[in-house]
PDB file of N, CA and C in Angstrom:
ATOM      1  N   UNK A   1      -2.721  -5.267   0.185  1.00  0.00           N
ATOM      2  CA  UNK A   1      -1.385  -5.366   0.742  1.00  0.00           C
ATOM      3  C   UNK A   1      -0.383  -4.939  -0.325  1.00  0.00           C
ATOM      4  N   UNK A   2       0.620  -4.206   0.113  1.00  0.00           N
ATOM      5  CA  UNK A   2       1.650  -3.768  -0.823  1.00  0.00           C
ATOM      6  C   UNK A   2       3.022  -4.196  -0.323  1.00  0.00           C
ATOM      7  N   UNK A   3       3.942  -4.326  -1.241  1.00  0.00           N
ATOM      8  CA  UNK A   3       5.309  -4.709  -0.942  1.00  0.00           C
ATOM      9  C   UNK A   3       6.224  -3.564  -1.337  1.00  0.00           C
ATOM     10  N   UNK A   4       7.214  -3.289  -0.505  1.00  0.00           N
ATOM     11  CA  UNK A   4       8.225  -2.295  -0.857  1.00  0.00           C
ATOM     12  C   UNK A   4       9.577  -2.780  -0.354  1.00  0.00           C
ATOM     13  N   UNK A   5      10.620  -2.174  -0.860  1.00  0.00           N
ATOM     14  CA  UNK A   5      11.979  -2.548  -0.492  1.00  0.00           C
ATOM     15  C   UNK A   5      12.632  -1.388   0.240  1.00  0.00           C
ATOM     16  N   UNK A   6      13.192  -1.688   1.402  1.00  0.00           N
ATOM     17  CA  UNK A   6      13.866  -0.682   2.208  1.00  0.00           C
ATOM     18  C   UNK A   6      15.285  -1.159   2.466  1.00  0.00           C
ATOM     19  N   UNK A   7      16.252  -0.414   1.948  1.00  0.00           N
ATOM     20  CA  UNK A   7      17.667  -0.785   2.080  1.00  0.00           C
ATOM     21  C   UNK A   7      17.906  -2.230   1.656  1.00  0.00           C
ATOM     22  N   UNK A   8      17.244  -2.630   0.577  1.00  0.00           N
ATOM     23  CA  UNK A   8      17.441  -3.961   0.006  1.00  0.00           C
ATOM     24  C   UNK A   8      16.605  -5.066   0.617  1.00  0.00           C
ATOM     25  N   UNK A   9      15.888  -4.792   1.700  1.00  0.00           N
ATOM     26  CA  UNK A   9      15.040  -5.799   2.337  1.00  0.00           C
ATOM     27  C   UNK A   9      13.590  -5.587   1.937  1.00  0.00           C
ATOM     28  N   UNK A  10      12.878  -6.680   1.770  1.00  0.00           N
ATOM     29  CA  UNK A  10      11.488  -6.634   1.338  1.00  0.00           C
ATOM     30  C   UNK A  10      10.548  -6.553   2.544  1.00  0.00           C
ATOM     31  N   UNK A  11       9.586  -5.632   2.467  1.00  0.00           N
ATOM     32  CA  UNK A  11       8.596  -5.451   3.531  1.00  0.00           C
ATOM     33  C   UNK A  11       7.198  -5.446   2.928  1.00  0.00           C
ATOM     34  N   UNK A  12       6.232  -5.807   3.746  1.00  0.00           N
ATOM     35  CA  UNK A  12       4.828  -5.758   3.342  1.00  0.00           C
ATOM     36  C   UNK A  12       4.072  -4.841   4.284  1.00  0.00           C
ATOM     37  N   UNK A  13       3.113  -4.120   3.722  1.00  0.00           N
ATOM     38  CA  UNK A  13       2.298  -3.217   4.532  1.00  0.00           C
ATOM     39  C   UNK A  13       0.842  -3.378   4.129  1.00  0.00           C
ATOM     40  N   UNK A  14      -0.038  -3.310   5.109  1.00  0.00           N
ATOM     41  CA  UNK A  14      -1.469  -3.408   4.833  1.00  0.00           C
ATOM     42  C   UNK A  14      -2.106  -2.032   4.717  1.00  0.00           C
ATOM     43  N   UNK A  15      -1.448  -1.012   5.260  1.00  0.00           N
ATOM     44  CA  UNK A  15      -1.955   0.364   5.203  1.00  0.00           C
ATOM     45  C   UNK A  15      -1.121   1.191   4.244  1.00  0.00           C
ATOM     46  N   UNK A  16      -1.683   2.288   3.804  1.00  0.00           N
ATOM     47  CA  UNK A  16      -0.900   3.223   3.001  1.00  0.00           C
ATOM     48  C   UNK A  16       0.076   3.929   3.922  1.00  0.00           C
ATOM     49  N   UNK A  17       1.342   3.913   3.555  1.00  0.00           N
ATOM     50  CA  UNK A  17       2.383   4.528   4.358  1.00  0.00           C
ATOM     51  C   UNK A  17       3.074   5.629   3.577  1.00  0.00           C
ATOM     52  N   UNK A  18       3.543   6.632   4.300  1.00  0.00           N
ATOM     53  CA  UNK A  18       4.398   7.641   3.693  1.00  0.00           C
ATOM     54  C   UNK A  18       5.846   7.314   4.051  1.00  0.00           C
ATOM     55  N   UNK A  19       6.756   7.992   3.398  1.00  0.00           N
ATOM     56  CA  UNK A  19       8.165   7.849   3.743  1.00  0.00           C
ATOM     57  C   UNK A  19       8.373   8.199   5.215  1.00  0.00           C
ATOM     58  N   UNK A  20       7.740   9.277   5.657  1.00  0.00           N
ATOM     59  CA  UNK A  20       7.862   9.690   7.060  1.00  0.00           C
ATOM     60  C   UNK A  20       7.364   8.609   8.011  1.00  0.00           C
ATOM     61  N   UNK A  21       6.259   7.937   7.683  1.00  0.00           N
ATOM     62  CA  UNK A  21       5.739   6.852   8.521  1.00  0.00           C
ATOM     63  C   UNK A  21       6.780   5.753   8.718  1.00  0.00           C
ATOM     64  N   UNK A  22       7.460   5.402   7.646  1.00  0.00           N
ATOM     65  CA  UNK A  22       8.474   4.343   7.714  1.00  0.00           C
ATOM     66  C   UNK A  22       9.662   4.791   8.571  1.00  0.00           C
ATOM     67  N   UNK A  23      10.097   6.019   8.391  1.00  0.00           N
ATOM     68  CA  UNK A  23      11.203   6.536   9.193  1.00  0.00           C
ATOM     69  C   UNK A  23      10.844   6.552  10.673  1.00  0.00           C
ATOM     70  N   UNK A  24       9.629   6.959  10.980  1.00  0.00           N
ATOM     71  CA  UNK A  24       9.159   6.987  12.361  1.00  0.00           C
ATOM     72  C   UNK A  24       9.087   5.563  12.937  1.00  0.00           C
ATOM     73  N   UNK A  25       8.543   4.633  12.161  1.00  0.00           N
ATOM     74  CA  UNK A  25       8.402   3.255  12.626  1.00  0.00           C
ATOM     75  C   UNK A  25       9.761   2.635  12.964  1.00  0.00           C
ATOM     76  N   UNK A  26      10.748   2.879  12.106  1.00  0.00           N
ATOM     77  CA  UNK A  26      12.070   2.296  12.324  1.00  0.00           C
ATOM     78  C   UNK A  26      12.969   3.181  13.197  1.00  0.00           C
ATOM     79  N   UNK A  27      12.414   4.254  13.750  1.00  0.00           N
ATOM     80  CA  UNK A  27      13.076   5.110  14.729  1.00  0.00           C
ATOM     81  C   UNK A  27      14.363   5.758  14.199  1.00  0.00           C
ATOM     82  N   UNK A  28      14.294   6.237  12.955  1.00  0.00           N
ATOM     83  CA  UNK A  28      15.426   6.963  12.385  1.00  0.00           C
ATOM     84  C   UNK A  28      15.442   8.390  12.915  1.00  0.00           C
ATOM     85  N   UNK A  29      16.630   8.916  13.126  1.00  0.00           N
ATOM     86  CA  UNK A  29      16.800  10.328  13.467  1.00  0.00           C
ATOM     87  C   UNK A  29      16.764  11.101  12.155  1.00  0.00           C
ATOM     88  N   UNK A  30      15.664  11.761  11.874  1.00  0.00           N
ATOM     89  CA  UNK A  30      15.441  12.322  10.544  1.00  0.00           C
ATOM     90  C   UNK A  30      16.326  13.527  10.218  1.00  0.00           C
ATOM     91  N   UNK A  31      17.026  14.053  11.190  1.00  0.00           N
ATOM     92  CA  UNK A  31      17.835  15.240  10.918  1.00  0.00           C
ATOM     93  C   UNK A  31      19.089  14.934  10.098  1.00  0.00           C
ATOM     94  N   UNK A  32      19.537  13.697  10.086  1.00  0.00           N
ATOM     95  CA  UNK A  32      20.782  13.354   9.404  1.00  0.00           C
ATOM     96  C   UNK A  32      20.586  12.283   8.330  1.00  0.00           C
ATOM     97  N   UNK A  33      19.517  12.396   7.554  1.00  0.00           N
ATOM     98  CA  UNK A  33      19.220  11.380   6.553  1.00  0.00           C
ATOM     99  C   UNK A  33      19.122  11.953   5.154  1.00  0.00           C
ATOM    100  N   UNK A  34      19.439  11.100   4.194  1.00  0.00           N
ATOM    101  CA  UNK A  34      19.151  11.355   2.790  1.00  0.00           C
ATOM    102  C   UNK A  34      18.338  10.154   2.325  1.00  0.00           C
ATOM    103  N   UNK A  35      17.227  10.417   1.631  1.00  0.00           N
ATOM    104  CA  UNK A  35      16.352   9.346   1.154  1.00  0.00           C
ATOM    105  C   UNK A  35      16.449   9.251  -0.360  1.00  0.00           C
ATOM    106  N   UNK A  36      16.777   8.055  -0.820  1.00  0.00           N
ATOM    107  CA  UNK A  36      16.728   7.761  -2.251  1.00  0.00           C
ATOM    108  C   UNK A  36      15.450   6.963  -2.481  1.00  0.00           C
ATOM    109  N   UNK A  37      14.575   7.502  -3.288  1.00  0.00           N
ATOM    110  CA  UNK A  37      13.265   6.904  -3.534  1.00  0.00           C
ATOM    111  C   UNK A  37      13.154   6.586  -5.025  1.00  0.00           C
ATOM    112  N   UNK A  38      13.147   5.309  -5.346  1.00  0.00           N
ATOM    113  CA  UNK A  38      13.105   4.859  -6.746  1.00  0.00           C
ATOM    114  C   UNK A  38      14.183   5.551  -7.584  1.00  0.00           C
ATOM    115  N   UNK A  39      15.391   5.553  -7.059  1.00  0.00           N
ATOM    116  CA  UNK A  39      16.599   6.063  -7.736  1.00  0.00           C
ATOM    117  C   UNK A  39      16.702   7.585  -7.801  1.00  0.00           C
ATOM    118  N   UNK A  40      15.849   8.307  -7.088  1.00  0.00           N
ATOM    119  CA  UNK A  40      15.924   9.767  -7.039  1.00  0.00           C
ATOM    120  C   UNK A  40      16.028  10.230  -5.589  1.00  0.00           C
ATOM    121  N   UNK A  41      16.786  11.279  -5.370  1.00  0.00           N
ATOM    122  CA  UNK A  41      16.865  11.862  -4.032  1.00  0.00           C
ATOM    123  C   UNK A  41      15.551  12.590  -3.753  1.00  0.00           C
ATOM    124  N   UNK A  42      14.919  12.224  -2.644  1.00  0.00           N
ATOM    125  CA  UNK A  42      13.627  12.801  -2.284  1.00  0.00           C
ATOM    126  C   UNK A  42      13.838  13.949  -1.309  1.00  0.00           C
ATOM    127  N   UNK A  43      13.406  15.162  -1.669  1.00  0.00           N
ATOM    128  CA  UNK A  43      13.569  16.299  -0.749  1.00  0.00           C
ATOM    129  C   UNK A  43      12.838  16.061   0.574  1.00  0.00           C
ATOM    130  N   UNK A  44      13.421  16.536   1.643  1.00  0.00           N
ATOM    131  CA  UNK A  44      12.859  16.348   2.983  1.00  0.00           C
ATOM    132  C   UNK A  44      11.426  16.873   3.083  1.00  0.00           C
ATOM    133  N   UNK A  45      11.127  17.937   2.371  1.00  0.00           N
ATOM    134  CA  UNK A  45       9.774  18.508   2.402  1.00  0.00           C
ATOM    135  C   UNK A  45       8.720  17.558   1.845  1.00  0.00           C
ATOM    136  N   UNK A  46       9.128  16.564   1.085  1.00  0.00           N
ATOM    137  CA  UNK A  46       8.188  15.625   0.472  1.00  0.00           C
ATOM    138  C   UNK A  46       7.988  14.336   1.270  1.00  0.00           C
ATOM    139  N   UNK A  47       8.735  14.133   2.334  1.00  0.00           N
ATOM    140  CA  UNK A  47       8.665  12.871   3.064  1.00  0.00           C
ATOM    141  C   UNK A  47       7.278  12.582   3.633  1.00  0.00           C
ATOM    142  N   UNK A  48       6.586  13.588   4.122  1.00  0.00           N
ATOM    143  CA  UNK A  48       5.263  13.367   4.727  1.00  0.00           C
ATOM    144  C   UNK A  48       4.164  13.208   3.681  1.00  0.00           C
ATOM    145  N   UNK A  49       4.429  13.599   2.443  1.00  0.00           N
ATOM    146  CA  UNK A  49       3.413  13.546   1.395  1.00  0.00           C
ATOM    147  C   UNK A  49       3.622  12.426   0.384  1.00  0.00           C
ATOM    148  N   UNK A  50       4.763  11.763   0.434  1.00  0.00           N
ATOM    149  CA  UNK A  50       5.063  10.713  -0.542  1.00  0.00           C
ATOM    150  C   UNK A  50       4.557   9.375  -0.026  1.00  0.00           C
ATOM    151  N   UNK A  51       3.531   8.869  -0.684  1.00  0.00           N
ATOM    152  CA  UNK A  51       2.942   7.582  -0.301  1.00  0.00           C
ATOM    153  C   UNK A  51       3.688   6.464  -1.011  1.00  0.00           C
ATOM    154  N   UNK A  52       4.084   5.469  -0.238  1.00  0.00           N
ATOM    155  CA  UNK A  52       4.820   4.336  -0.786  1.00  0.00           C
ATOM    156  C   UNK A  52       3.865   3.458  -1.581  1.00  0.00           C
ATOM    157  N   UNK A  53       4.285   3.124  -2.793  1.00  0.00           N
ATOM    158  CA  UNK A  53       3.488   2.278  -3.686  1.00  0.00           C
ATOM    159  C   UNK A  53       4.123   0.901  -3.795  1.00  0.00           C
ATOM    160  N   UNK A  54       3.376  -0.025  -4.381  1.00  0.00           N
ATOM    161  CA  UNK A  54       3.844  -1.394  -4.530  1.00  0.00           C
ATOM    162  C   UNK A  54       5.158  -1.433  -5.316  1.00  0.00           C
ATOM    163  N   UNK A  55       6.118  -2.185  -4.792  1.00  0.00           N
ATOM    164  CA  UNK A  55       7.443  -2.405  -5.392  1.00  0.00           C
ATOM    165  C   UNK A  55       8.349  -1.181  -5.407  1.00  0.00           C
ATOM    166  N   UNK A  56       8.032  -0.145  -4.619  1.00  0.00           N
ATOM    167  CA  UNK A  56       8.932   0.994  -4.505  1.00  0.00           C
ATOM    168  C   UNK A  56      10.233   0.562  -3.844  1.00  0.00           C
ATOM    169  N   UNK A  57      11.299   1.253  -4.216  1.00  0.00           N
ATOM    170  CA  UNK A  57      12.612   0.981  -3.644  1.00  0.00           C
ATOM    171  C   UNK A  57      13.089   2.232  -2.902  1.00  0.00           C
ATOM    172  N   UNK A  58      13.368   2.045  -1.632  1.00  0.00           N
ATOM    173  CA  UNK A  58      13.777   3.141  -0.758  1.00  0.00           C
ATOM    174  C   UNK A  58      15.127   2.808  -0.162  1.00  0.00           C
ATOM    175  N   UNK A  59      16.056   3.730  -0.264  1.00  0.00           N
ATOM    176  CA  UNK A  59      17.356   3.589   0.378  1.00  0.00           C
ATOM    177  C   UNK A  59      17.517   4.754   1.345  1.00  0.00           C
ATOM    178  N   UNK A  60      17.903   4.432   2.571  1.00  0.00           N
ATOM    179  CA  UNK A  60      18.119   5.453   3.586  1.00  0.00           C
ATOM    180  C   UNK A  60      19.613   5.542   3.847  1.00  0.00           C
ATOM    181  N   UNK A  61      20.149   6.733   3.652  1.00  0.00           N
ATOM    182  CA  UNK A  61      21.561   6.976   3.871  1.00  0.00           C
ATOM    183  C   UNK A  61      21.689   7.893   5.077  1.00  0.00           C
ATOM    184  N   UNK A  62      22.459   7.452   6.053  1.00  0.00           N
ATOM    185  CA  UNK A  62      22.685   8.236   7.262  1.00  0.00           C
ATOM    186  C   UNK A  62      23.984   9.011   7.115  1.00  0.00           C
ATOM    187  N   UNK A  63      23.930  10.292   7.393  1.00  0.00           N
ATOM    188  CA  UNK A  63      25.117  11.148   7.317  1.00  0.00           C
ATOM    189  C   UNK A  63      25.839  11.054   8.661  1.00  0.00           C
ATOM    190  N   UNK A  64      27.130  10.724   8.591  1.00  0.00           N
ATOM    191  CA  UNK A  64      27.932  10.571   9.788  1.00  0.00           C
ATOM    192  C   UNK A  64      29.086  11.549   9.713  1.00  0.00           C
ATOM    193  N   UNK A  65      29.248  12.312  10.772  1.00  0.00           N
ATOM    194  CA  UNK A  65      30.368  13.260  10.831  1.00  0.00           C
ATOM    195  C   UNK A  65      31.545  12.642  11.565  1.00  0.00           C
ATOM    196  N   UNK A  66      32.654  13.196  11.367  1.00  0.00           N
ATOM    197  CA  UNK A  66      33.847  12.693  12.054  1.00  0.00           C
ATOM    198  C   UNK A  66      35.069  13.459  11.600  1.00  0.00           C
ATOM    199  N   UNK A  67      36.162  13.054  12.136  1.00  0.00           N
ATOM    200  CA  UNK A  67      37.367  13.775  11.774  1.00  0.00           C
ATOM    201  C   UNK A  67      38.576  12.916  11.779  1.00  0.00           C
TER     202      UNK A  67
END
């Protein structure tokens, strides 16, 4: 079992998850997101290949347009 932090909240997972798996599970619209992974911006091309490890910190920032 591993623990990770998503937007400041602690979660536990029994399976190996990727960033994309987490986004899919929480039903994020992936077209308007920026992912900060352990204090670095993670390129969108890496979301499906980045496996979340124990104590990783993930911040999801949603881009909102307006005027």
